[in-house]
């Protein structure tokens, strides 16, 4: 049975969501704080997280960004926050979908089904990646370009590995900063620029005209997929 973690501090809503999930054949667990959610995730990784942003001990956006580096389950935000900027912040932090309160149970369950379908269809990151002259072995943490091994510092490796999980997919600045440096560093854009420069200097034949590490202006970066 599919395990869903509901993180909601309003007990009435938590019970309603849990009852709706149970009636749909899912197995919900509920908790009311970020700390309790951390413990539940450590105890057993859920297949989906439904999260309220207004938690009493931590903002939900910070919780998502902090968990995203290790949590593979999709996150559906269920929040009374309706401003576009608030939705963007949650999605940038790593949420996969956003549903505003009040909501209909039919729409909630439809979104849950869609997210579970996408999560189950998503392939695991390839253990080895070959793109042009670039060869990356995730297990051995080795990167070679044009047949020569490239030494990466721990931060450089973490940044490259994050991009290599989804070649061709754009990752926003905030996603990369949260995943590599932590949720409290998402505004430190200069970190990203400096380390992307280091990676390009080691990987690209011409760092000013990158072949592999591509910039999406105003959005983020992506690793070429061919």
N, C-alpha and C. Protein backbone atom coordinates (compact mmCIF):
# COMPACT_ATOMS: atom_id res chain seq x y z
N UNK A 1 0.85 -1.20 0.00
CA UNK A 1 0.00 0.00 0.00
C UNK A 1 0.88 1.24 0.00
N UNK A 2 0.47 2.25 -0.74
CA UNK A 2 1.31 3.45 -0.90
C UNK A 2 1.31 4.29 0.36
N UNK A 3 2.51 4.60 0.83
CA UNK A 3 2.69 5.33 2.08
C UNK A 3 2.78 6.84 1.78
N UNK A 4 1.89 7.63 2.40
CA UNK A 4 1.86 9.08 2.19
C UNK A 4 2.00 9.77 3.54
N UNK A 5 2.94 10.68 3.63
CA UNK A 5 3.14 11.44 4.86
C UNK A 5 2.44 12.80 4.73
N UNK A 6 1.51 13.06 5.63
CA UNK A 6 0.76 14.32 5.65
C UNK A 6 1.31 15.17 6.79
N UNK A 7 1.88 16.34 6.44
CA UNK A 7 2.47 17.22 7.45
C UNK A 7 1.57 18.45 7.53
N UNK A 8 0.76 18.51 8.55
CA UNK A 8 -0.29 19.53 8.66
C UNK A 8 -0.57 19.79 10.14
N UNK A 9 -0.49 21.05 10.57
CA UNK A 9 -0.67 21.33 12.00
C UNK A 9 -2.13 21.57 12.38
N UNK A 10 -3.01 21.75 11.40
CA UNK A 10 -4.44 21.89 11.71
C UNK A 10 -5.04 20.48 11.73
N UNK A 11 -5.42 20.02 12.93
CA UNK A 11 -5.80 18.61 13.08
C UNK A 11 -7.03 18.25 12.23
N UNK A 12 -7.97 19.19 12.11
CA UNK A 12 -9.16 18.90 11.31
C UNK A 12 -8.82 18.63 9.85
N UNK A 13 -7.94 19.46 9.29
CA UNK A 13 -7.54 19.26 7.89
C UNK A 13 -6.72 17.99 7.76
N UNK A 14 -5.82 17.74 8.71
CA UNK A 14 -4.98 16.54 8.65
C UNK A 14 -5.86 15.28 8.66
N UNK A 15 -6.88 15.28 9.53
CA UNK A 15 -7.76 14.11 9.61
C UNK A 15 -8.57 13.95 8.33
N UNK A 16 -9.03 15.09 7.77
CA UNK A 16 -9.81 15.03 6.54
C UNK A 16 -8.97 14.49 5.39
N UNK A 17 -7.75 14.99 5.27
CA UNK A 17 -6.87 14.53 4.20
C UNK A 17 -6.54 13.05 4.38
N UNK A 18 -6.22 12.67 5.62
CA UNK A 18 -5.88 11.27 5.89
C UNK A 18 -7.06 10.35 5.57
N UNK A 19 -8.27 10.76 5.95
CA UNK A 19 -9.45 9.93 5.67
C UNK A 19 -9.68 9.81 4.16
N UNK A 20 -9.44 10.91 3.43
CA UNK A 20 -9.62 10.88 1.97
C UNK A 20 -8.61 9.95 1.33
N UNK A 21 -7.36 10.00 1.81
CA UNK A 21 -6.32 9.13 1.27
C UNK A 21 -6.62 7.66 1.59
N UNK A 22 -7.06 7.40 2.82
CA UNK A 22 -7.39 6.02 3.20
C UNK A 22 -8.51 5.46 2.34
N UNK A 23 -9.54 6.29 2.10
CA UNK A 23 -10.67 5.84 1.28
C UNK A 23 -10.24 5.55 -0.15
N UNK A 24 -9.14 6.19 -0.58
CA UNK A 24 -8.63 5.97 -1.94
C UNK A 24 -7.64 4.81 -2.00
N UNK A 25 -7.46 4.11 -0.88
CA UNK A 25 -6.60 2.95 -0.89
C UNK A 25 -5.14 3.24 -0.57
N UNK A 26 -4.86 4.45 -0.07
CA UNK A 26 -3.49 4.80 0.30
C UNK A 26 -3.33 4.67 1.82
N UNK A 27 -2.09 4.67 2.27
CA UNK A 27 -1.82 4.53 3.70
C UNK A 27 -1.19 5.83 4.22
N UNK A 28 -2.00 6.71 4.83
CA UNK A 28 -1.45 7.98 5.31
C UNK A 28 -0.85 7.88 6.70
N UNK A 29 0.18 8.67 6.92
CA UNK A 29 0.69 8.95 8.26
C UNK A 29 0.58 10.45 8.44
N UNK A 30 0.29 10.92 9.63
CA UNK A 30 0.17 12.36 9.83
C UNK A 30 1.11 12.82 10.94
N UNK A 31 1.57 14.06 10.80
CA UNK A 31 2.32 14.70 11.86
C UNK A 31 2.09 16.20 11.73
N UNK A 32 2.40 16.95 12.82
CA UNK A 32 1.99 18.35 12.87
C UNK A 32 3.15 19.33 12.87
N UNK A 33 4.37 18.85 12.91
CA UNK A 33 5.53 19.75 12.97
C UNK A 33 6.62 19.25 12.02
N UNK A 34 7.54 20.17 11.71
CA UNK A 34 8.66 19.81 10.86
C UNK A 34 9.56 18.78 11.56
N UNK A 35 9.74 18.96 12.85
CA UNK A 35 10.59 18.02 13.58
C UNK A 35 10.00 16.62 13.54
N UNK A 36 8.69 16.53 13.75
CA UNK A 36 8.04 15.21 13.69
C UNK A 36 8.13 14.62 12.28
N UNK A 37 8.02 15.49 11.28
CA UNK A 37 8.14 15.00 9.90
C UNK A 37 9.55 14.46 9.64
N UNK A 38 10.56 15.15 10.15
CA UNK A 38 11.93 14.65 10.01
C UNK A 38 12.05 13.23 10.57
N UNK A 39 11.46 13.03 11.75
CA UNK A 39 11.54 11.72 12.40
C UNK A 39 10.79 10.66 11.61
N UNK A 40 9.62 11.05 11.07
CA UNK A 40 8.83 10.09 10.28
C UNK A 40 9.58 9.69 9.01
N UNK A 41 10.23 10.67 8.38
CA UNK A 41 10.97 10.37 7.14
C UNK A 41 12.18 9.48 7.44
N UNK A 42 12.86 9.76 8.56
CA UNK A 42 14.00 8.91 8.95
C UNK A 42 13.53 7.50 9.26
N UNK A 43 12.38 7.40 9.90
CA UNK A 43 11.86 6.07 10.29
C UNK A 43 11.48 5.26 9.07
N UNK A 44 10.81 5.90 8.13
CA UNK A 44 10.42 5.21 6.89
C UNK A 44 10.21 6.25 5.81
N UNK A 45 10.94 6.11 4.72
CA UNK A 45 10.80 7.08 3.63
C UNK A 45 9.42 6.95 2.98
N UNK A 46 8.65 8.04 2.92
CA UNK A 46 7.33 7.96 2.29
C UNK A 46 7.46 7.96 0.78
N UNK A 47 6.36 7.57 0.12
CA UNK A 47 6.32 7.63 -1.35
C UNK A 47 5.80 8.97 -1.84
N UNK A 48 5.17 9.72 -0.95
CA UNK A 48 4.65 11.06 -1.29
C UNK A 48 4.51 11.84 0.01
N UNK A 49 4.80 13.14 -0.06
CA UNK A 49 4.61 14.02 1.09
C UNK A 49 3.59 15.09 0.72
N UNK A 50 2.60 15.27 1.58
CA UNK A 50 1.65 16.39 1.44
C UNK A 50 1.96 17.34 2.59
N UNK A 51 2.26 18.59 2.25
CA UNK A 51 2.87 19.49 3.23
C UNK A 51 2.15 20.83 3.29
N UNK A 52 1.80 21.24 4.51
CA UNK A 52 1.33 22.60 4.75
C UNK A 52 2.56 23.49 4.96
N UNK A 53 2.53 24.71 4.45
CA UNK A 53 3.70 25.58 4.58
C UNK A 53 3.76 26.25 5.96
N UNK A 54 2.61 26.44 6.61
CA UNK A 54 2.60 27.18 7.86
C UNK A 54 2.79 26.30 9.07
N UNK A 55 3.92 25.64 9.16
CA UNK A 55 4.19 24.76 10.30
C UNK A 55 4.64 25.59 11.51
N UNK A 56 4.38 25.11 12.71
CA UNK A 56 4.70 25.92 13.89
C UNK A 56 6.18 26.05 14.19
N UNK A 57 7.00 25.10 13.75
CA UNK A 57 8.42 25.13 14.13
C UNK A 57 9.36 25.41 12.96
N UNK A 58 8.87 25.45 11.74
CA UNK A 58 9.75 25.76 10.60
C UNK A 58 8.87 26.11 9.41
N UNK A 59 9.27 27.10 8.65
CA UNK A 59 8.51 27.41 7.45
C UNK A 59 8.58 26.23 6.47
N UNK A 60 7.46 25.95 5.83
CA UNK A 60 7.41 24.81 4.93
C UNK A 60 8.37 24.90 3.77
N UNK A 61 8.62 26.12 3.27
CA UNK A 61 9.56 26.27 2.15
C UNK A 61 10.97 25.86 2.60
N UNK A 62 11.35 26.27 3.79
CA UNK A 62 12.66 25.86 4.31
C UNK A 62 12.72 24.36 4.52
N UNK A 63 11.63 23.80 4.99
CA UNK A 63 11.59 22.35 5.21
C UNK A 63 11.82 21.61 3.89
N UNK A 64 11.13 22.06 2.83
CA UNK A 64 11.28 21.39 1.53
C UNK A 64 12.73 21.48 1.06
N UNK A 65 13.28 22.69 1.10
CA UNK A 65 14.65 22.88 0.62
C UNK A 65 15.65 22.05 1.42
N UNK A 66 15.42 21.96 2.73
CA UNK A 66 16.34 21.19 3.59
C UNK A 66 16.23 19.70 3.30
N UNK A 67 15.03 19.22 3.06
CA UNK A 67 14.83 17.79 2.83
C UNK A 67 15.19 17.37 1.41
N UNK A 68 15.15 18.32 0.47
CA UNK A 68 15.23 17.95 -0.93
C UNK A 68 16.53 17.24 -1.32
N UNK A 69 17.60 17.55 -0.60
CA UNK A 69 18.88 16.94 -0.96
C UNK A 69 18.84 15.42 -0.79
N UNK A 70 17.99 14.92 0.10
CA UNK A 70 17.98 13.48 0.36
C UNK A 70 16.62 12.85 0.09
N UNK A 71 15.56 13.61 0.13
CA UNK A 71 14.22 13.05 -0.04
C UNK A 71 13.91 12.88 -1.53
N UNK A 72 13.60 11.65 -1.92
CA UNK A 72 13.29 11.40 -3.33
C UNK A 72 11.79 11.45 -3.62
N UNK A 73 10.98 11.38 -2.59
CA UNK A 73 9.52 11.37 -2.79
C UNK A 73 9.04 12.73 -3.28
N UNK A 74 8.02 12.75 -4.15
CA UNK A 74 7.46 14.04 -4.57
C UNK A 74 6.76 14.72 -3.40
N UNK A 75 6.71 16.05 -3.47
CA UNK A 75 6.10 16.86 -2.41
C UNK A 75 4.96 17.68 -3.01
N UNK A 76 3.77 17.51 -2.45
CA UNK A 76 2.60 18.31 -2.83
C UNK A 76 2.35 19.31 -1.71
N UNK A 77 2.44 20.60 -2.04
CA UNK A 77 2.16 21.64 -1.04
C UNK A 77 0.66 21.87 -0.99
N UNK A 78 0.13 21.92 0.24
CA UNK A 78 -1.28 22.18 0.47
C UNK A 78 -1.32 23.39 1.40
N UNK A 79 -1.63 24.57 0.85
CA UNK A 79 -1.41 25.78 1.63
C UNK A 79 -2.49 26.82 1.38
N UNK A 80 -2.68 27.68 2.39
CA UNK A 80 -3.60 28.82 2.24
C UNK A 80 -2.89 30.00 1.57
N UNK A 81 -1.59 29.90 1.36
CA UNK A 81 -0.85 30.98 0.71
C UNK A 81 -1.17 30.96 -0.79
N UNK A 82 -1.68 32.09 -1.27
CA UNK A 82 -2.16 32.12 -2.65
C UNK A 82 -1.33 33.01 -3.58
N UNK A 83 -0.38 33.75 -3.03
CA UNK A 83 0.40 34.66 -3.86
C UNK A 83 1.33 33.88 -4.80
N UNK A 84 1.47 34.39 -6.01
CA UNK A 84 2.31 33.72 -7.00
C UNK A 84 3.75 33.56 -6.50
N UNK A 85 4.27 34.61 -5.85
CA UNK A 85 5.66 34.54 -5.36
C UNK A 85 5.82 33.43 -4.33
N UNK A 86 4.79 33.20 -3.53
CA UNK A 86 4.88 32.14 -2.52
C UNK A 86 4.86 30.76 -3.18
N UNK A 87 4.07 30.63 -4.24
CA UNK A 87 4.05 29.36 -4.97
C UNK A 87 5.40 29.10 -5.65
N UNK A 88 5.95 30.16 -6.26
CA UNK A 88 7.25 30.01 -6.93
C UNK A 88 8.33 29.61 -5.92
N UNK A 89 8.31 30.25 -4.74
CA UNK A 89 9.32 29.93 -3.73
C UNK A 89 9.25 28.45 -3.33
N UNK A 90 8.04 27.94 -3.16
CA UNK A 90 7.90 26.53 -2.78
C UNK A 90 8.36 25.60 -3.90
N UNK A 91 7.99 25.93 -5.13
CA UNK A 91 8.40 25.09 -6.26
C UNK A 91 9.91 25.16 -6.47
N UNK A 92 10.47 26.37 -6.33
CA UNK A 92 11.92 26.51 -6.45
C UNK A 92 12.65 25.73 -5.38
N UNK A 93 12.07 25.64 -4.20
CA UNK A 93 12.71 24.92 -3.10
C UNK A 93 12.70 23.42 -3.32
N UNK A 94 11.81 22.95 -4.24
CA UNK A 94 11.80 21.52 -4.52
C UNK A 94 10.45 20.86 -4.47
N UNK A 95 9.38 21.65 -4.21
CA UNK A 95 8.04 21.06 -4.27
C UNK A 95 7.72 20.67 -5.70
N UNK A 96 6.87 19.66 -5.83
CA UNK A 96 6.52 19.17 -7.17
C UNK A 96 5.16 19.67 -7.65
N UNK A 97 4.31 20.07 -6.72
CA UNK A 97 3.00 20.59 -7.09
C UNK A 97 2.48 21.44 -5.94
N UNK A 98 1.45 22.24 -6.23
CA UNK A 98 0.96 23.20 -5.24
C UNK A 98 -0.55 23.28 -5.37
N UNK A 99 -1.25 23.07 -4.26
CA UNK A 99 -2.70 23.15 -4.26
C UNK A 99 -3.10 24.09 -3.13
N UNK A 100 -3.93 25.09 -3.45
CA UNK A 100 -4.30 26.08 -2.44
C UNK A 100 -5.57 25.65 -1.70
N UNK A 101 -5.65 26.08 -0.45
CA UNK A 101 -6.83 25.86 0.38
C UNK A 101 -7.80 27.01 0.15
N UNK A 102 -9.11 26.79 0.16
CA UNK A 102 -9.78 25.49 0.29
C UNK A 102 -9.66 24.68 -1.00
N UNK A 103 -9.75 23.37 -0.86
CA UNK A 103 -9.54 22.50 -2.02
C UNK A 103 -10.64 21.44 -2.04
N UNK A 104 -10.85 20.85 -3.18
CA UNK A 104 -11.80 19.76 -3.30
C UNK A 104 -11.07 18.44 -3.20
N UNK A 105 -11.68 17.47 -2.55
CA UNK A 105 -11.01 16.18 -2.36
C UNK A 105 -10.76 15.50 -3.70
N UNK A 106 -11.64 15.73 -4.66
CA UNK A 106 -11.44 15.12 -5.98
C UNK A 106 -10.17 15.63 -6.63
N UNK A 107 -9.93 16.95 -6.57
CA UNK A 107 -8.72 17.50 -7.16
C UNK A 107 -7.48 17.05 -6.38
N UNK A 108 -7.59 17.01 -5.06
CA UNK A 108 -6.45 16.54 -4.26
C UNK A 108 -6.05 15.13 -4.67
N UNK A 109 -7.01 14.24 -4.75
CA UNK A 109 -6.68 12.84 -5.09
C UNK A 109 -6.18 12.71 -6.52
N UNK A 110 -6.72 13.52 -7.42
CA UNK A 110 -6.24 13.47 -8.81
C UNK A 110 -4.77 13.90 -8.88
N UNK A 111 -4.42 14.93 -8.12
CA UNK A 111 -3.02 15.37 -8.12
C UNK A 111 -2.12 14.33 -7.48
N UNK A 112 -2.60 13.70 -6.42
CA UNK A 112 -1.82 12.64 -5.76
C UNK A 112 -1.57 11.50 -6.75
N UNK A 113 -2.60 11.09 -7.45
CA UNK A 113 -2.44 9.99 -8.41
C UNK A 113 -1.43 10.37 -9.50
N UNK A 114 -1.55 11.60 -10.01
CA UNK A 114 -0.65 12.04 -11.08
C UNK A 114 0.79 12.08 -10.59
N UNK A 115 1.01 12.57 -9.37
CA UNK A 115 2.38 12.65 -8.85
C UNK A 115 2.96 11.27 -8.63
N UNK A 116 2.15 10.35 -8.13
CA UNK A 116 2.65 8.99 -7.92
C UNK A 116 2.98 8.31 -9.25
N UNK A 117 2.13 8.56 -10.27
CA UNK A 117 2.43 7.99 -11.59
C UNK A 117 3.77 8.51 -12.11
N UNK A 118 3.98 9.83 -12.00
CA UNK A 118 5.23 10.41 -12.50
C UNK A 118 6.43 9.88 -11.72
N UNK A 119 6.26 9.78 -10.40
CA UNK A 119 7.38 9.32 -9.57
C UNK A 119 7.76 7.88 -9.90
N UNK A 120 6.75 7.05 -10.15
CA UNK A 120 7.04 5.64 -10.44
C UNK A 120 7.61 5.45 -11.83
N UNK A 121 7.28 6.39 -12.71
CA UNK A 121 7.79 6.29 -14.07
C UNK A 121 9.18 6.87 -14.21
N UNK A 122 9.58 7.70 -13.24
CA UNK A 122 10.87 8.38 -13.36
C UNK A 122 12.01 7.38 -13.19
N UNK A 123 12.96 7.35 -14.09
CA UNK A 123 14.08 6.43 -13.96
C UNK A 123 15.05 6.88 -12.87
N UNK A 124 15.73 5.93 -12.27
CA UNK A 124 16.79 6.27 -11.33
C UNK A 124 17.95 6.90 -12.09
N UNK A 125 18.73 7.75 -11.44
CA UNK A 125 19.89 8.31 -12.13
C UNK A 125 20.80 7.21 -12.65
N UNK A 126 21.25 7.37 -13.88
CA UNK A 126 22.11 6.35 -14.46
C UNK A 126 23.43 6.26 -13.69
N UNK A 127 23.92 5.04 -13.42
CA UNK A 127 25.20 4.93 -12.69
C UNK A 127 26.36 5.49 -13.49
N UNK A 128 26.24 5.42 -14.83
CA UNK A 128 27.29 6.00 -15.69
C UNK A 128 26.62 6.89 -16.72
N UNK A 129 27.31 7.97 -17.03
CA UNK A 129 26.76 8.95 -17.95
C UNK A 129 27.82 9.28 -18.99
N UNK A 130 27.45 9.21 -20.25
CA UNK A 130 28.37 9.56 -21.33
C UNK A 130 27.70 10.62 -22.19
N UNK A 131 28.30 11.79 -22.23
CA UNK A 131 27.78 12.87 -23.06
C UNK A 131 28.95 13.43 -23.86
N UNK A 132 28.96 13.19 -25.14
CA UNK A 132 30.09 13.64 -25.94
C UNK A 132 31.39 13.08 -25.40
N UNK A 133 32.35 13.92 -25.11
CA UNK A 133 33.65 13.50 -24.57
C UNK A 133 33.66 13.42 -23.05
N UNK A 134 32.52 13.60 -22.45
CA UNK A 134 32.45 13.63 -20.98
C UNK A 134 31.92 12.29 -20.48
N UNK A 135 32.64 11.67 -19.54
CA UNK A 135 32.22 10.39 -18.97
C UNK A 135 32.18 10.53 -17.46
N UNK A 136 31.04 10.17 -16.88
CA UNK A 136 30.85 10.33 -15.43
C UNK A 136 30.40 9.01 -14.84
N UNK A 137 31.14 8.54 -13.83
CA UNK A 137 30.79 7.32 -13.10
C UNK A 137 30.36 7.74 -11.70
N UNK A 138 29.06 7.64 -11.45
CA UNK A 138 28.53 8.15 -10.17
C UNK A 138 29.04 7.31 -9.00
N UNK A 139 29.09 6.01 -9.17
CA UNK A 139 29.47 5.14 -8.05
C UNK A 139 30.92 5.37 -7.62
N UNK A 140 31.81 5.48 -8.60
CA UNK A 140 33.22 5.67 -8.26
C UNK A 140 33.59 7.14 -8.11
N UNK A 141 32.65 8.02 -8.37
CA UNK A 141 32.83 9.48 -8.27
C UNK A 141 33.94 9.95 -9.20
N UNK A 142 34.02 9.34 -10.38
CA UNK A 142 35.07 9.71 -11.33
C UNK A 142 34.46 10.45 -12.52
N UNK A 143 35.15 11.50 -12.91
CA UNK A 143 34.74 12.27 -14.08
C UNK A 143 35.94 12.37 -15.01
N UNK A 144 35.70 12.06 -16.28
CA UNK A 144 36.77 12.16 -17.27
C UNK A 144 36.26 12.99 -18.45
N UNK A 145 37.13 13.79 -18.99
CA UNK A 145 36.80 14.60 -20.16
C UNK A 145 37.90 14.41 -21.19
N UNK A 146 37.48 14.03 -22.37
CA UNK A 146 38.43 13.75 -23.47
C UNK A 146 39.50 12.76 -23.02
N UNK A 147 39.06 11.78 -22.22
CA UNK A 147 39.93 10.69 -21.79
C UNK A 147 40.80 10.99 -20.59
N UNK A 148 40.77 12.21 -20.09
CA UNK A 148 41.61 12.59 -18.94
C UNK A 148 40.74 12.74 -17.69
N UNK A 149 41.24 12.16 -16.58
CA UNK A 149 40.52 12.28 -15.33
C UNK A 149 40.51 13.74 -14.85
N UNK A 150 39.36 14.15 -14.31
CA UNK A 150 39.20 15.51 -13.79
C UNK A 150 39.04 15.43 -12.28
N UNK A 151 39.88 16.13 -11.56
CA UNK A 151 39.75 16.15 -10.10
C UNK A 151 38.76 17.23 -9.71
N UNK A 152 37.74 16.82 -8.92
CA UNK A 152 36.76 17.77 -8.44
C UNK A 152 36.84 17.87 -6.92
N UNK A 153 36.71 19.07 -6.42
CA UNK A 153 36.61 19.24 -4.96
C UNK A 153 35.23 18.71 -4.52
N UNK A 154 35.04 18.49 -3.22
CA UNK A 154 33.73 17.98 -2.77
C UNK A 154 32.56 18.85 -3.21
N UNK A 155 32.70 20.15 -3.14
CA UNK A 155 31.59 21.02 -3.56
C UNK A 155 31.40 20.96 -5.07
N UNK A 156 32.47 20.95 -5.82
CA UNK A 156 32.36 20.84 -7.28
C UNK A 156 31.68 19.52 -7.67
N UNK A 157 32.07 18.43 -6.99
CA UNK A 157 31.44 17.15 -7.30
C UNK A 157 29.94 17.20 -6.99
N UNK A 158 29.59 17.77 -5.85
CA UNK A 158 28.19 17.81 -5.46
C UNK A 158 27.37 18.62 -6.48
N UNK A 159 27.93 19.71 -6.95
CA UNK A 159 27.23 20.54 -7.93
C UNK A 159 27.10 19.80 -9.27
N UNK A 160 28.19 19.18 -9.71
CA UNK A 160 28.11 18.46 -10.99
C UNK A 160 27.15 17.27 -10.88
N UNK A 161 27.24 16.53 -9.78
CA UNK A 161 26.38 15.34 -9.62
C UNK A 161 24.91 15.74 -9.61
N UNK A 162 24.61 16.90 -9.01
CA UNK A 162 23.19 17.35 -8.99
C UNK A 162 22.71 17.61 -10.40
N UNK A 163 23.53 18.27 -11.21
CA UNK A 163 23.14 18.53 -12.59
C UNK A 163 23.04 17.22 -13.38
N UNK A 164 23.93 16.27 -13.07
CA UNK A 164 23.98 15.03 -13.84
C UNK A 164 22.82 14.08 -13.51
N UNK A 165 22.06 14.38 -12.46
CA UNK A 165 20.88 13.54 -12.18
C UNK A 165 19.82 13.70 -13.26
N UNK A 166 19.79 14.84 -13.89
CA UNK A 166 18.75 15.11 -14.91
C UNK A 166 19.35 15.86 -16.08
N UNK A 167 20.15 15.19 -16.90
CA UNK A 167 20.74 15.89 -18.06
C UNK A 167 19.65 16.48 -18.95
N UNK A 168 19.88 17.70 -19.37
CA UNK A 168 18.92 18.39 -20.24
C UNK A 168 17.86 19.16 -19.48
N UNK A 169 17.72 18.92 -18.19
CA UNK A 169 16.69 19.59 -17.40
C UNK A 169 17.26 20.84 -16.74
N UNK A 170 16.54 21.94 -16.83
CA UNK A 170 16.98 23.18 -16.19
C UNK A 170 16.73 23.10 -14.70
N UNK A 171 17.75 23.42 -13.92
CA UNK A 171 17.60 23.52 -12.47
C UNK A 171 17.77 24.98 -12.09
N UNK A 172 16.85 25.51 -11.29
CA UNK A 172 16.91 26.92 -10.94
C UNK A 172 18.08 27.18 -10.00
N UNK A 173 18.46 28.47 -9.93
CA UNK A 173 19.54 28.85 -9.01
C UNK A 173 19.21 28.39 -7.59
N UNK A 174 17.98 28.64 -7.16
CA UNK A 174 17.61 28.31 -5.79
C UNK A 174 17.62 26.80 -5.55
N UNK A 175 17.21 26.02 -6.56
CA UNK A 175 17.26 24.56 -6.40
C UNK A 175 18.70 24.11 -6.18
N UNK A 176 19.59 24.61 -7.02
CA UNK A 176 20.99 24.18 -6.92
C UNK A 176 21.62 24.65 -5.60
N UNK A 177 21.35 25.89 -5.22
CA UNK A 177 21.93 26.39 -3.97
C UNK A 177 21.40 25.59 -2.77
N UNK A 178 20.10 25.28 -2.79
CA UNK A 178 19.53 24.52 -1.67
C UNK A 178 20.11 23.12 -1.62
N UNK A 179 20.24 22.47 -2.78
CA UNK A 179 20.70 21.08 -2.81
C UNK A 179 22.19 20.96 -2.50
N UNK A 180 22.98 21.95 -2.92
CA UNK A 180 24.43 21.84 -2.75
C UNK A 180 24.91 22.51 -1.47
N UNK A 181 24.37 23.70 -1.17
CA UNK A 181 24.88 24.44 -0.01
C UNK A 181 23.93 24.44 1.18
N UNK A 182 22.66 24.11 0.95
CA UNK A 182 21.69 24.07 2.04
C UNK A 182 20.61 25.13 1.91
N UNK A 183 19.51 24.86 2.61
CA UNK A 183 18.32 25.70 2.47
C UNK A 183 18.56 27.13 2.93
N UNK A 184 19.53 27.33 3.83
CA UNK A 184 19.76 28.69 4.34
C UNK A 184 20.70 29.48 3.43
N UNK A 185 21.09 28.92 2.29
CA UNK A 185 22.04 29.61 1.41
C UNK A 185 21.44 29.90 0.03
N UNK A 186 20.12 29.86 -0.07
CA UNK A 186 19.51 29.95 -1.39
C UNK A 186 19.63 31.34 -2.03
N UNK A 187 20.03 32.33 -1.25
CA UNK A 187 20.21 33.68 -1.82
C UNK A 187 21.66 33.97 -2.19
N UNK A 188 22.55 33.04 -1.96
CA UNK A 188 23.98 33.27 -2.20
C UNK A 188 24.34 32.91 -3.64
N UNK A 189 23.81 33.68 -4.57
CA UNK A 189 23.99 33.37 -5.98
C UNK A 189 25.46 33.37 -6.39
N UNK A 190 26.27 34.17 -5.70
CA UNK A 190 27.68 34.24 -6.08
C UNK A 190 28.40 32.90 -5.84
N UNK A 191 27.93 32.10 -4.86
CA UNK A 191 28.52 30.78 -4.67
C UNK A 191 28.41 29.98 -5.97
N UNK A 192 27.21 30.02 -6.51
CA UNK A 192 26.92 29.23 -7.71
C UNK A 192 27.77 29.71 -8.89
N UNK A 193 27.87 31.02 -9.04
CA UNK A 193 28.65 31.55 -10.16
C UNK A 193 30.13 31.17 -10.03
N UNK A 194 30.65 31.25 -8.82
CA UNK A 194 32.06 30.94 -8.62
C UNK A 194 32.33 29.46 -8.93
N UNK A 195 31.50 28.58 -8.37
CA UNK A 195 31.78 27.15 -8.56
C UNK A 195 31.42 26.67 -9.96
N UNK A 196 30.43 27.30 -10.59
CA UNK A 196 30.17 26.96 -11.98
C UNK A 196 31.38 27.37 -12.84
N UNK A 197 31.99 28.49 -12.50
CA UNK A 197 33.20 28.91 -13.20
C UNK A 197 34.33 27.90 -13.02
N UNK A 198 34.47 27.39 -11.79
CA UNK A 198 35.50 26.38 -11.54
C UNK A 198 35.25 25.12 -12.38
N UNK A 199 34.00 24.67 -12.39
CA UNK A 199 33.67 23.46 -13.16
C UNK A 199 33.93 23.68 -14.65
N UNK A 200 33.52 24.80 -15.16
CA UNK A 200 33.73 25.05 -16.58
C UNK A 200 35.22 25.11 -16.92
N UNK A 201 36.01 25.68 -16.03
CA UNK A 201 37.45 25.76 -16.29
C UNK A 201 38.06 24.36 -16.37
N UNK A 202 37.49 23.40 -15.63
CA UNK A 202 38.03 22.04 -15.62
C UNK A 202 37.46 21.16 -16.73
N UNK A 203 36.26 21.48 -17.19
CA UNK A 203 35.56 20.59 -18.11
C UNK A 203 35.55 21.09 -19.54
N UNK A 204 35.31 22.37 -19.69
CA UNK A 204 35.06 22.91 -21.03
C UNK A 204 36.37 23.22 -21.77
N UNK A 205 36.37 22.96 -23.08
CA UNK A 205 37.52 23.40 -23.89
C UNK A 205 37.58 24.91 -23.93
N UNK A 206 36.43 25.57 -24.04
CA UNK A 206 36.37 27.02 -24.01
C UNK A 206 35.31 27.42 -22.99
N UNK A 207 35.71 27.74 -21.75
CA UNK A 207 34.72 28.07 -20.71
C UNK A 207 33.82 29.23 -21.09
N UNK A 208 34.26 30.10 -21.97
CA UNK A 208 33.41 31.23 -22.37
C UNK A 208 32.31 30.79 -23.34
N UNK A 209 32.51 29.65 -23.98
CA UNK A 209 31.51 29.09 -24.90
C UNK A 209 31.25 27.64 -24.48
N UNK A 210 30.58 27.45 -23.35
CA UNK A 210 30.48 26.09 -22.78
C UNK A 210 29.70 25.13 -23.68
N UNK A 211 30.22 23.91 -23.72
CA UNK A 211 29.58 22.84 -24.48
C UNK A 211 28.66 22.01 -23.60
N UNK A 212 29.05 21.85 -22.30
CA UNK A 212 28.31 20.96 -21.41
C UNK A 212 27.50 21.70 -20.32
N UNK A 213 28.09 22.66 -19.67
CA UNK A 213 27.44 23.33 -18.55
C UNK A 213 26.81 24.62 -19.06
N UNK A 214 25.52 24.55 -19.30
CA UNK A 214 24.83 25.61 -20.04
C UNK A 214 24.05 26.53 -19.10
N UNK A 215 24.07 27.81 -19.41
CA UNK A 215 23.34 28.81 -18.63
C UNK A 215 21.96 29.04 -19.23
N UNK A 216 20.96 29.07 -18.38
CA UNK A 216 19.63 29.53 -18.78
C UNK A 216 19.44 30.89 -18.11
N UNK A 217 19.57 31.95 -18.89
CA UNK A 217 19.63 33.29 -18.34
C UNK A 217 18.45 33.60 -17.41
N UNK A 218 18.78 34.09 -16.23
CA UNK A 218 17.76 34.48 -15.27
C UNK A 218 17.06 33.33 -14.58
N UNK A 219 17.40 32.09 -14.94
CA UNK A 219 16.70 30.93 -14.39
C UNK A 219 17.66 30.01 -13.63
N UNK A 220 18.68 29.50 -14.33
CA UNK A 220 19.58 28.56 -13.69
C UNK A 220 20.56 27.95 -14.68
N UNK A 221 20.83 26.65 -14.49
CA UNK A 221 21.80 25.95 -15.33
C UNK A 221 21.25 24.57 -15.69
N UNK A 222 21.82 24.01 -16.75
CA UNK A 222 21.51 22.62 -17.09
C UNK A 222 22.75 21.98 -17.69
N UNK A 223 22.82 20.66 -17.51
CA UNK A 223 23.87 19.88 -18.14
C UNK A 223 23.36 19.41 -19.50
N UNK A 224 24.15 19.64 -20.54
CA UNK A 224 23.72 19.18 -21.87
C UNK A 224 23.45 17.69 -21.85
N UNK A 225 22.52 17.26 -22.68
CA UNK A 225 22.17 15.84 -22.70
C UNK A 225 22.62 15.15 -23.98
N UNK A 226 23.38 15.81 -24.80
CA UNK A 226 23.90 15.16 -26.02
C UNK A 226 25.17 15.88 -26.47
